[in-house]
């Protein structure tokens, strides 16, 4: 299973370093932010599976960070554990009212914090809130977004799938495949952060299939940028020889060695401007068909 990513938001360097070293030794990928603004930026660009958030920060407090994350569609699902020196009931209630998942006070037992982190991540995955590899919303959260947009106008939905992903995992292994999924999730977040809006939604449907919901007037720029950047940046996941020859040699079910193209991204785009939708299945089916057409071009 892929490593879960933690973002530790703590301005005390000693505590932040201690938590980074400890959780890295437990098999987590760990990033650190010392300010609230830095935490928001890092969350948008590389979605963590969980945030450990100190309340007292130098620019604005953890409550404001939590409020902002919960307000924006792309980050509203990320589990948050508040970490603070305060032990007042009002502070705990305020954090929980803002949507925090848990609360622990300093000085804390590191083993207890580890168990709370494990429980929060496991709960999110079991409730089909996040994909364990990408950290993006999945399952129920995707369905909720589809039910939301079917009642509105002005949106565009993209169905994205990585072409030749199976051949890549066959040649390079599932760990390398998970790295590609994480790279794709990061790329989608970066492009939407640059060209989209705070209310845009990115989800991981499963396998190498993603979904992106944005404003209709921004869709073409986002689609074009994602396809171009993916085609260029995914090459870093291949070795030099495969990059140079432009294809992989893999064995098919008959035992024959065949050439397989390098990975690209197929993107199908639909909007209510072209179609009238009465059911979310119509949205997903038409988007998948648009993506299949794109894959053949």
C-alpha atoms as a PDB file:
ATOM      1  CA  UNK A   1       0.000   0.000   0.000  1.00  0.00           C
ATOM      2  CA  UNK A   2       1.206   3.561  -0.726  1.00  0.00           C
ATOM      3  CA  UNK A   3       2.521   5.719   2.046  1.00  0.00           C
ATOM      4  CA  UNK A   4       0.015   8.144   3.542  1.00  0.00           C
ATOM      5  CA  UNK A   5       1.066  11.804   3.371  1.00  0.00           C
ATOM      6  CA  UNK A   6       0.962  13.964   6.476  1.00  0.00           C
ATOM      7  CA  UNK A   7       1.212  17.742   6.587  1.00  0.00           C
ATOM      8  CA  UNK A   8       2.411  19.024   9.959  1.00  0.00           C
ATOM      9  CA  UNK A   9       1.577  22.686  10.527  1.00  0.00           C
ATOM     10  CA  UNK A  10       3.694  23.791  13.480  1.00  0.00           C
ATOM     11  CA  UNK A  11       5.842  26.910  14.008  1.00  0.00           C
ATOM     12  CA  UNK A  12       7.904  25.344  16.828  1.00  0.00           C
ATOM     13  CA  UNK A  13      10.830  23.904  14.883  1.00  0.00           C
ATOM     14  CA  UNK A  14      11.757  21.380  17.586  1.00  0.00           C
ATOM     15  CA  UNK A  15       8.249  19.910  17.718  1.00  0.00           C
ATOM     16  CA  UNK A  16       7.887  19.945  13.931  1.00  0.00           C
ATOM     17  CA  UNK A  17      11.229  18.171  13.470  1.00  0.00           C
ATOM     18  CA  UNK A  18      10.408  15.592  16.128  1.00  0.00           C
ATOM     19  CA  UNK A  19       7.056  14.808  14.495  1.00  0.00           C
ATOM     20  CA  UNK A  20       8.617  14.634  11.029  1.00  0.00           C
ATOM     21  CA  UNK A  21      11.303  12.182  12.151  1.00  0.00           C
ATOM     22  CA  UNK A  22       8.864  10.049  14.126  1.00  0.00           C
ATOM     23  CA  UNK A  23       6.153   9.734  11.491  1.00  0.00           C
ATOM     24  CA  UNK A  24       8.722   9.209   8.717  1.00  0.00           C
ATOM     25  CA  UNK A  25      10.050   6.267  10.752  1.00  0.00           C
ATOM     26  CA  UNK A  26       6.476   4.935  10.837  1.00  0.00           C
ATOM     27  CA  UNK A  27       6.331   4.849   7.027  1.00  0.00           C
ATOM     28  CA  UNK A  28       4.550   8.156   6.342  1.00  0.00           C
ATOM     29  CA  UNK A  29       5.508  10.816   3.829  1.00  0.00           C
ATOM     30  CA  UNK A  30       5.815  13.975   5.899  1.00  0.00           C
ATOM     31  CA  UNK A  31       5.824  17.630   4.936  1.00  0.00           C
ATOM     32  CA  UNK A  32       6.053  20.625   7.273  1.00  0.00           C
ATOM     33  CA  UNK A  33       4.576  24.124   7.169  1.00  0.00           C
ATOM     34  CA  UNK A  34       5.406  26.758   9.775  1.00  0.00           C
ATOM     35  CA  UNK A  35       2.716  29.279   8.779  1.00  0.00           C
ATOM     36  CA  UNK A  36      -0.968  29.073   7.965  1.00  0.00           C
ATOM     37  CA  UNK A  37      -0.537  30.535   4.480  1.00  0.00           C
ATOM     38  CA  UNK A  38       2.170  27.967   3.707  1.00  0.00           C
ATOM     39  CA  UNK A  39      -0.126  25.171   4.897  1.00  0.00           C
ATOM     40  CA  UNK A  40      -2.922  26.278   2.562  1.00  0.00           C
ATOM     41  CA  UNK A  41      -0.534  26.464  -0.385  1.00  0.00           C
ATOM     42  CA  UNK A  42       0.969  23.030   0.254  1.00  0.00           C
ATOM     43  CA  UNK A  43      -2.453  21.461   0.737  1.00  0.00           C
ATOM     44  CA  UNK A  44      -3.669  22.768  -2.610  1.00  0.00           C
ATOM     45  CA  UNK A  45      -0.578  21.648  -4.507  1.00  0.00           C
ATOM     46  CA  UNK A  46      -0.069  18.174  -3.001  1.00  0.00           C
ATOM     47  CA  UNK A  47      -3.122  16.874  -1.163  1.00  0.00           C
ATOM     48  CA  UNK A  48      -2.196  15.289   2.178  1.00  0.00           C
ATOM     49  CA  UNK A  49      -4.091  12.352   3.642  1.00  0.00           C
ATOM     50  CA  UNK A  50      -4.196  14.174   7.003  1.00  0.00           C
ATOM     51  CA  UNK A  51      -3.155  17.493   8.544  1.00  0.00           C
ATOM     52  CA  UNK A  52      -1.783  17.889  12.080  1.00  0.00           C
ATOM     53  CA  UNK A  53      -2.572  21.536  12.737  1.00  0.00           C
ATOM     54  CA  UNK A  54      -1.292  23.753  15.549  1.00  0.00           C
ATOM     55  CA  UNK A  55      -3.732  26.471  16.596  1.00  0.00           C
ATOM     56  CA  UNK A  56      -1.149  29.130  17.431  1.00  0.00           C
ATOM     57  CA  UNK A  57       0.610  30.187  14.212  1.00  0.00           C
ATOM     58  CA  UNK A  58       2.562  33.370  13.381  1.00  0.00           C
ATOM     59  CA  UNK A  59       0.342  34.694  10.568  1.00  0.00           C
ATOM     60  CA  UNK A  60      -3.197  33.489  11.379  1.00  0.00           C
ATOM     61  CA  UNK A  61      -4.475  30.837  13.736  1.00  0.00           C
ATOM     62  CA  UNK A  62      -5.266  27.220  13.019  1.00  0.00           C
ATOM     63  CA  UNK A  63      -8.986  27.902  13.295  1.00  0.00           C
ATOM     64  CA  UNK A  64      -8.757  30.147  10.230  1.00  0.00           C
ATOM     65  CA  UNK A  65      -6.704  27.538   8.365  1.00  0.00           C
ATOM     66  CA  UNK A  66      -9.324  24.906   9.165  1.00  0.00           C
ATOM     67  CA  UNK A  67     -12.170  27.230   8.163  1.00  0.00           C
ATOM     68  CA  UNK A  68     -10.518  27.965   4.806  1.00  0.00           C
ATOM     69  CA  UNK A  69      -9.820  24.305   4.077  1.00  0.00           C
ATOM     70  CA  UNK A  70     -13.391  23.329   4.878  1.00  0.00           C
ATOM     71  CA  UNK A  71     -14.782  26.150   2.719  1.00  0.00           C
ATOM     72  CA  UNK A  72     -12.901  25.127  -0.437  1.00  0.00           C
ATOM     73  CA  UNK A  73     -14.306  22.126  -2.267  1.00  0.00           C
ATOM     74  CA  UNK A  74     -10.942  20.571  -3.136  1.00  0.00           C
ATOM     75  CA  UNK A  75      -9.729  20.504   0.482  1.00  0.00           C
ATOM     76  CA  UNK A  76     -12.963  20.090   2.427  1.00  0.00           C
ATOM     77  CA  UNK A  77     -12.497  16.319   2.861  1.00  0.00           C
ATOM     78  CA  UNK A  78      -8.958  16.291   4.342  1.00  0.00           C
ATOM     79  CA  UNK A  79      -8.927  15.007   7.969  1.00  0.00           C
ATOM     80  CA  UNK A  80      -7.572  17.540  10.479  1.00  0.00           C
ATOM     81  CA  UNK A  81      -6.200  16.927  13.983  1.00  0.00           C
ATOM     82  CA  UNK A  82      -5.708  20.076  16.051  1.00  0.00           C
ATOM     83  CA  UNK A  83      -2.495  20.234  18.090  1.00  0.00           C
ATOM     84  CA  UNK A  84      -2.313  22.970  20.700  1.00  0.00           C
ATOM     85  CA  UNK A  85      -1.159  23.988  24.155  1.00  0.00           C
ATOM     86  CA  UNK A  86      -4.647  25.168  24.984  1.00  0.00           C
ATOM     87  CA  UNK A  87      -6.865  22.797  26.938  1.00  0.00           C
ATOM     88  CA  UNK A  88      -9.979  24.922  27.218  1.00  0.00           C
ATOM     89  CA  UNK A  89     -13.292  23.348  26.350  1.00  0.00           C
ATOM     90  CA  UNK A  90     -14.294  26.346  24.215  1.00  0.00           C
ATOM     91  CA  UNK A  91     -11.234  25.920  21.994  1.00  0.00           C
ATOM     92  CA  UNK A  92     -11.958  22.242  21.492  1.00  0.00           C
ATOM     93  CA  UNK A  93     -15.583  22.936  20.629  1.00  0.00           C
ATOM     94  CA  UNK A  94     -14.623  25.689  18.204  1.00  0.00           C
ATOM     95  CA  UNK A  95     -12.273  23.355  16.386  1.00  0.00           C
ATOM     96  CA  UNK A  96     -14.825  20.568  16.163  1.00  0.00           C
ATOM     97  CA  UNK A  97     -17.534  22.986  15.001  1.00  0.00           C
ATOM     98  CA  UNK A  98     -15.252  24.088  12.166  1.00  0.00           C
ATOM     99  CA  UNK A  99     -14.972  20.475  11.017  1.00  0.00           C
ATOM    100  CA  UNK A 100     -11.796  19.201  12.704  1.00  0.00           C
ATOM    101  CA  UNK A 101     -11.720  15.437  13.118  1.00  0.00           C
ATOM    102  CA  UNK A 102      -9.807  15.291  16.406  1.00  0.00           C
ATOM    103  CA  UNK A 103      -8.000  17.353  19.019  1.00  0.00           C
ATOM    104  CA  UNK A 104      -4.926  16.678  21.163  1.00  0.00           C
ATOM    105  CA  UNK A 105      -3.159  18.983  23.622  1.00  0.00           C
ATOM    106  CA  UNK A 106       0.516  19.592  24.369  1.00  0.00           C
ATOM    107  CA  UNK A 107       2.393  17.971  25.959  1.00  0.00           C
ATOM    108  CA  UNK A 108       1.106  14.929  24.098  1.00  0.00           C
ATOM    109  CA  UNK A 109       1.873  11.231  24.008  1.00  0.00           C
ATOM    110  CA  UNK A 110       3.387  10.520  20.580  1.00  0.00           C
ATOM    111  CA  UNK A 111       1.947   6.992  20.554  1.00  0.00           C
ATOM    112  CA  UNK A 112      -1.523   8.371  21.236  1.00  0.00           C
ATOM    113  CA  UNK A 113      -1.129  10.881  18.391  1.00  0.00           C
ATOM    114  CA  UNK A 114      -0.017   8.061  16.081  1.00  0.00           C
ATOM    115  CA  UNK A 115      -3.147   6.053  16.908  1.00  0.00           C
ATOM    116  CA  UNK A 116      -5.365   9.090  16.304  1.00  0.00           C
ATOM    117  CA  UNK A 117      -3.694   9.693  12.940  1.00  0.00           C
ATOM    118  CA  UNK A 118      -4.151   6.041  11.933  1.00  0.00           C
ATOM    119  CA  UNK A 119      -7.788   6.065  13.016  1.00  0.00           C
ATOM    120  CA  UNK A 120      -8.643   9.287  11.159  1.00  0.00           C
ATOM    121  CA  UNK A 121      -7.038   8.125   7.894  1.00  0.00           C
ATOM    122  CA  UNK A 122      -8.612   4.677   8.146  1.00  0.00           C
ATOM    123  CA  UNK A 123     -12.032   6.171   8.836  1.00  0.00           C
ATOM    124  CA  UNK A 124     -11.802   8.430   5.779  1.00  0.00           C
ATOM    125  CA  UNK A 125     -10.845   5.498   3.546  1.00  0.00           C
ATOM    126  CA  UNK A 126     -13.501   3.156   4.963  1.00  0.00           C
ATOM    127  CA  UNK A 127     -16.184   5.768   4.384  1.00  0.00           C
ATOM    128  CA  UNK A 128     -15.060   6.057   0.736  1.00  0.00           C
ATOM    129  CA  UNK A 129     -13.953   9.629   1.329  1.00  0.00           C
ATOM    130  CA  UNK A 130     -10.412   9.365  -0.049  1.00  0.00           C
ATOM    131  CA  UNK A 131      -8.349   7.112  -2.265  1.00  0.00           C
ATOM    132  CA  UNK A 132      -5.426   5.669  -0.270  1.00  0.00           C
ATOM    133  CA  UNK A 133      -2.923   6.230  -3.103  1.00  0.00           C
ATOM    134  CA  UNK A 134      -3.708   9.747  -4.297  1.00  0.00           C
ATOM    135  CA  UNK A 135      -5.362  11.205  -1.210  1.00  0.00           C
ATOM    136  CA  UNK A 136      -8.056  12.648  -3.483  1.00  0.00           C
ATOM    137  CA  UNK A 137     -11.790  12.379  -2.790  1.00  0.00           C
ATOM    138  CA  UNK A 138     -13.380   9.164  -3.992  1.00  0.00           C
ATOM    139  CA  UNK A 139     -16.599   7.154  -3.743  1.00  0.00           C
ATOM    140  CA  UNK A 140     -19.293   8.993  -1.828  1.00  0.00           C
ATOM    141  CA  UNK A 141     -17.691  12.433  -2.185  1.00  0.00           C
ATOM    142  CA  UNK A 142     -17.628  12.103  -5.974  1.00  0.00           C
ATOM    143  CA  UNK A 143     -21.251  11.034  -6.018  1.00  0.00           C
ATOM    144  CA  UNK A 144     -22.193  14.030  -3.848  1.00  0.00           C
ATOM    145  CA  UNK A 145     -20.518  16.384  -6.321  1.00  0.00           C
ATOM    146  CA  UNK A 146     -22.337  14.808  -9.255  1.00  0.00           C
ATOM    147  CA  UNK A 147     -25.674  15.216  -7.479  1.00  0.00           C
ATOM    148  CA  UNK A 148     -24.779  18.839  -6.756  1.00  0.00           C
ATOM    149  CA  UNK A 149     -23.874  19.881 -10.288  1.00  0.00           C
ATOM    150  CA  UNK A 150     -26.841  18.186 -11.954  1.00  0.00           C
ATOM    151  CA  UNK A 151     -29.010  20.870 -10.357  1.00  0.00           C
ATOM    152  CA  UNK A 152     -26.881  23.791 -11.584  1.00  0.00           C
ATOM    153  CA  UNK A 153     -25.535  25.353 -14.781  1.00  0.00           C
ATOM    154  CA  UNK A 154     -22.190  26.732 -15.904  1.00  0.00           C
ATOM    155  CA  UNK A 155     -20.044  23.704 -15.043  1.00  0.00           C
ATOM    156  CA  UNK A 156     -17.871  21.363 -17.065  1.00  0.00           C
ATOM    157  CA  UNK A 157     -16.895  17.845 -16.060  1.00  0.00           C
ATOM    158  CA  UNK A 158     -13.755  16.070 -17.212  1.00  0.00           C
ATOM    159  CA  UNK A 159     -13.287  12.312 -17.242  1.00  0.00           C
ATOM    160  CA  UNK A 160      -9.539  11.632 -17.250  1.00  0.00           C
ATOM    161  CA  UNK A 161      -7.757   8.305 -17.672  1.00  0.00           C
ATOM    162  CA  UNK A 162      -4.074   7.440 -18.081  1.00  0.00           C
ATOM    163  CA  UNK A 163      -3.532   5.631 -21.377  1.00  0.00           C
ATOM    164  CA  UNK A 164      -1.084   2.671 -21.292  1.00  0.00           C
ATOM    165  CA  UNK A 165      -1.007   2.685 -17.493  1.00  0.00           C
ATOM    166  CA  UNK A 166      -1.379  -1.120 -17.258  1.00  0.00           C
ATOM    167  CA  UNK A 167       1.598  -1.656 -19.553  1.00  0.00           C
ATOM    168  CA  UNK A 168       3.656   0.721 -17.425  1.00  0.00           C
ATOM    169  CA  UNK A 169       2.830  -1.120 -14.175  1.00  0.00           C
ATOM    170  CA  UNK A 170       3.595  -4.444 -15.862  1.00  0.00           C
ATOM    171  CA  UNK A 171       7.041  -3.190 -16.857  1.00  0.00           C
ATOM    172  CA  UNK A 172       7.902  -1.070 -13.810  1.00  0.00           C
ATOM    173  CA  UNK A 173       5.794  -2.552 -11.003  1.00  0.00           C
ATOM    174  CA  UNK A 174       2.880  -1.404  -8.862  1.00  0.00           C
ATOM    175  CA  UNK A 175       4.985   0.862  -6.642  1.00  0.00           C
ATOM    176  CA  UNK A 176       6.047   2.847  -9.697  1.00  0.00           C
ATOM    177  CA  UNK A 177       2.405   2.855 -10.801  1.00  0.00           C
ATOM    178  CA  UNK A 178       1.347   4.368  -7.478  1.00  0.00           C
ATOM    179  CA  UNK A 179       4.000   7.059  -7.977  1.00  0.00           C
ATOM    180  CA  UNK A 180       2.377   7.927 -11.316  1.00  0.00           C
ATOM    181  CA  UNK A 181      -1.048   8.189  -9.653  1.00  0.00           C
ATOM    182  CA  UNK A 182       0.348  10.533  -7.012  1.00  0.00           C
ATOM    183  CA  UNK A 183       2.087  12.578  -9.708  1.00  0.00           C
ATOM    184  CA  UNK A 184      -1.194  12.840 -11.626  1.00  0.00           C
ATOM    185  CA  UNK A 185      -3.084  13.980  -8.532  1.00  0.00           C
ATOM    186  CA  UNK A 186      -0.429  16.618  -7.852  1.00  0.00           C
ATOM    187  CA  UNK A 187      -0.516  17.788 -11.472  1.00  0.00           C
ATOM    188  CA  UNK A 188      -4.302  18.148 -11.463  1.00  0.00           C
ATOM    189  CA  UNK A 189      -4.159  20.187  -8.262  1.00  0.00           C
ATOM    190  CA  UNK A 190      -1.421  22.450  -9.626  1.00  0.00           C
ATOM    191  CA  UNK A 191      -3.263  23.166 -12.865  1.00  0.00           C
ATOM    192  CA  UNK A 192      -6.587  23.790 -11.137  1.00  0.00           C
ATOM    193  CA  UNK A 193      -4.818  25.987  -8.596  1.00  0.00           C
ATOM    194  CA  UNK A 194      -3.450  28.056 -11.501  1.00  0.00           C
ATOM    195  CA  UNK A 195      -6.481  28.209 -13.788  1.00  0.00           C
ATOM    196  CA  UNK A 196      -9.479  27.067 -11.747  1.00  0.00           C
ATOM    197  CA  UNK A 197     -11.447  28.309  -8.745  1.00  0.00           C
ATOM    198  CA  UNK A 198     -11.598  27.333  -5.042  1.00  0.00           C
ATOM    199  CA  UNK A 199     -14.869  25.520  -5.735  1.00  0.00           C
ATOM    200  CA  UNK A 200     -13.421  23.224  -8.416  1.00  0.00           C
ATOM    201  CA  UNK A 201     -13.443  19.535  -7.533  1.00  0.00           C
ATOM    202  CA  UNK A 202     -10.881  16.805  -8.241  1.00  0.00           C
ATOM    203  CA  UNK A 203     -11.641  13.167  -7.485  1.00  0.00           C
ATOM    204  CA  UNK A 204     -10.016   9.765  -7.963  1.00  0.00           C
ATOM    205  CA  UNK A 205     -12.637   7.398  -9.341  1.00  0.00           C
ATOM    206  CA  UNK A 206     -10.354   4.370  -9.124  1.00  0.00           C
ATOM    207  CA  UNK A 207      -7.445   2.767 -10.959  1.00  0.00           C
ATOM    208  CA  UNK A 208      -6.025   5.350 -13.358  1.00  0.00           C
ATOM    209  CA  UNK A 209      -9.340   7.201 -13.717  1.00  0.00           C
ATOM    210  CA  UNK A 210      -9.876  10.726 -12.333  1.00  0.00           C
ATOM    211  CA  UNK A 211     -12.644  13.304 -12.434  1.00  0.00           C
ATOM    212  CA  UNK A 212     -12.439  17.091 -12.480  1.00  0.00           C
ATOM    213  CA  UNK A 213     -15.302  19.582 -12.190  1.00  0.00           C
ATOM    214  CA  UNK A 214     -14.676  23.224 -13.037  1.00  0.00           C
ATOM    215  CA  UNK A 215     -16.397  26.279 -14.469  1.00  0.00           C
ATOM    216  CA  UNK A 216     -17.380  25.852 -18.102  1.00  0.00           C
ATOM    217  CA  UNK A 217     -15.435  28.914 -19.265  1.00  0.00           C
ATOM    218  CA  UNK A 218     -12.218  27.577 -17.710  1.00  0.00           C
ATOM    219  CA  UNK A 219     -12.478  23.991 -18.908  1.00  0.00           C
ATOM    220  CA  UNK A 220     -10.629  24.239 -22.224  1.00  0.00           C
ATOM    221  CA  UNK A 221      -7.587  25.963 -20.731  1.00  0.00           C
ATOM    222  CA  UNK A 222      -7.427  23.411 -17.928  1.00  0.00           C
ATOM    223  CA  UNK A 223      -7.892  20.465 -20.299  1.00  0.00           C
ATOM    224  CA  UNK A 224      -5.203  21.627 -22.699  1.00  0.00           C
ATOM    225  CA  UNK A 225      -2.699  22.430 -19.943  1.00  0.00           C
ATOM    226  CA  UNK A 226      -3.225  19.105 -18.162  1.00  0.00           C
ATOM    227  CA  UNK A 227      -2.730  17.059 -21.338  1.00  0.00           C
ATOM    228  CA  UNK A 228       0.384  18.971 -22.392  1.00  0.00           C
ATOM    229  CA  UNK A 229       2.035  18.920 -18.972  1.00  0.00           C
ATOM    230  CA  UNK A 230       1.222  15.261 -18.376  1.00  0.00           C
ATOM    231  CA  UNK A 231       2.729  14.205 -21.722  1.00  0.00           C
ATOM    232  CA  UNK A 232       5.971  16.003 -20.880  1.00  0.00           C
ATOM    233  CA  UNK A 233       6.331  15.426 -17.147  1.00  0.00           C
ATOM    234  CA  UNK A 234       5.295  11.757 -17.036  1.00  0.00           C
ATOM    235  CA  UNK A 235       8.458  10.933 -18.998  1.00  0.00           C
ATOM    236  CA  UNK A 236      10.419  11.330 -15.758  1.00  0.00           C
ATOM    237  CA  UNK A 237       8.872   8.042 -14.592  1.00  0.00           C
ATOM    238  CA  UNK A 238      10.554   6.084 -17.425  1.00  0.00           C
ATOM    239  CA  UNK A 239      14.176   5.082 -17.712  1.00  0.00           C
ATOM    240  CA  UNK A 240      16.424   6.716 -20.294  1.00  0.00           C
ATOM    241  CA  UNK A 241      16.159   3.927 -22.865  1.00  0.00           C
ATOM    242  CA  UNK A 242      12.351   3.828 -22.846  1.00  0.00           C
ATOM    243  CA  UNK A 243      12.155   7.622 -23.088  1.00  0.00           C
ATOM    244  CA  UNK A 244      14.523   7.671 -26.046  1.00  0.00           C
ATOM    245  CA  UNK A 245      12.798   4.915 -28.014  1.00  0.00           C
ATOM    246  CA  UNK A 246       9.329   6.246 -27.192  1.00  0.00           C
ATOM    247  CA  UNK A 247       7.696   2.935 -26.326  1.00  0.00           C
ATOM    248  CA  UNK A 248       7.774  -0.046 -23.958  1.00  0.00           C
ATOM    249  CA  UNK A 249       8.387  -3.678 -24.818  1.00  0.00           C
ATOM    250  CA  UNK A 250       5.910  -5.845 -22.906  1.00  0.00           C
ATOM    251  CA  UNK A 251       4.737  -9.456 -23.143  1.00  0.00           C
ATOM    252  CA  UNK A 252       1.111 -10.087 -24.096  1.00  0.00           C
ATOM    253  CA  UNK A 253      -1.080 -13.002 -22.982  1.00  0.00           C
ATOM    254  CA  UNK A 254       0.255 -15.141 -25.836  1.00  0.00           C
ATOM    255  CA  UNK A 255       3.841 -14.644 -24.750  1.00  0.00           C
ATOM    256  CA  UNK A 256       4.695 -12.351 -27.636  1.00  0.00           C
ATOM    257  CA  UNK A 257       6.769  -9.215 -27.140  1.00  0.00           C
ATOM    258  CA  UNK A 258       4.901  -6.156 -28.354  1.00  0.00           C
ATOM    259  CA  UNK A 259       5.491  -2.417 -28.479  1.00  0.00           C
ATOM    260  CA  UNK A 260       3.292  -0.294 -26.215  1.00  0.00           C
ATOM    261  CA  UNK A 261       3.207   3.529 -26.369  1.00  0.00           C
ATOM    262  CA  UNK A 262       4.243   5.651 -23.417  1.00  0.00           C
ATOM    263  CA  UNK A 263       1.571   7.004 -21.094  1.00  0.00           C
ATOM    264  CA  UNK A 264      -0.624   9.906 -22.122  1.00  0.00           C
ATOM    265  CA  UNK A 265      -3.774  11.369 -20.633  1.00  0.00           C
ATOM    266  CA  UNK A 266      -7.183  10.984 -22.293  1.00  0.00           C
ATOM    267  CA  UNK A 267      -9.637  13.707 -21.273  1.00  0.00           C
ATOM    268  CA  UNK A 268     -13.338  13.817 -22.081  1.00  0.00           C
ATOM    269  CA  UNK A 269     -15.240  17.036 -21.368  1.00  0.00           C
ATOM    270  CA  UNK A 270     -19.005  17.533 -21.095  1.00  0.00           C
ATOM    271  CA  UNK A 271     -21.205  20.390 -19.890  1.00  0.00           C
ATOM    272  CA  UNK A 272     -24.915  21.223 -19.581  1.00  0.00           C
ATOM    273  CA  UNK A 273     -24.509  23.542 -22.552  1.00  0.00           C
ATOM    274  CA  UNK A 274     -24.453  20.519 -24.888  1.00  0.00           C
ATOM    275  CA  UNK A 275     -26.612  18.092 -22.885  1.00  0.00           C
ATOM    276  CA  UNK A 276     -29.597  18.102 -20.549  1.00  0.00           C
ATOM    277  CA  UNK A 277     -29.012  15.686 -17.670  1.00  0.00           C
ATOM    278  CA  UNK A 278     -31.656  14.004 -15.551  1.00  0.00           C
ATOM    279  CA  UNK A 279     -29.494  11.420 -13.802  1.00  0.00           C
ATOM    280  CA  UNK A 280     -25.873  11.315 -12.644  1.00  0.00           C
ATOM    281  CA  UNK A 281     -25.354   8.109 -14.631  1.00  0.00           C
ATOM    282  CA  UNK A 282     -25.938  10.126 -17.795  1.00  0.00           C
ATOM    283  CA  UNK A 283     -23.151  12.482 -16.748  1.00  0.00           C
ATOM    284  CA  UNK A 284     -20.640   9.705 -16.113  1.00  0.00           C
ATOM    285  CA  UNK A 285     -21.568   7.728 -19.240  1.00  0.00           C
ATOM    286  CA  UNK A 286     -21.339  10.706 -21.595  1.00  0.00           C
ATOM    287  CA  UNK A 287     -18.089  11.857 -19.996  1.00  0.00           C
ATOM    288  CA  UNK A 288     -16.608   8.368 -20.384  1.00  0.00           C
ATOM    289  CA  UNK A 289     -17.655   8.289 -24.023  1.00  0.00           C
ATOM    290  CA  UNK A 290     -16.055  11.708 -24.627  1.00  0.00           C
ATOM    291  CA  UNK A 291     -12.876  10.420 -22.980  1.00  0.00           C
ATOM    292  CA  UNK A 292     -12.820   7.311 -25.180  1.00  0.00           C
ATOM    293  CA  UNK A 293     -13.148   9.500 -28.258  1.00  0.00           C
ATOM    294  CA  UNK A 294     -10.252  11.651 -27.067  1.00  0.00           C
ATOM    295  CA  UNK A 295      -8.126   8.540 -26.489  1.00  0.00           C
ATOM    296  CA  UNK A 296      -8.517   7.564 -30.154  1.00  0.00           C
ATOM    297  CA  UNK A 297      -7.464  10.950 -31.530  1.00  0.00           C
END
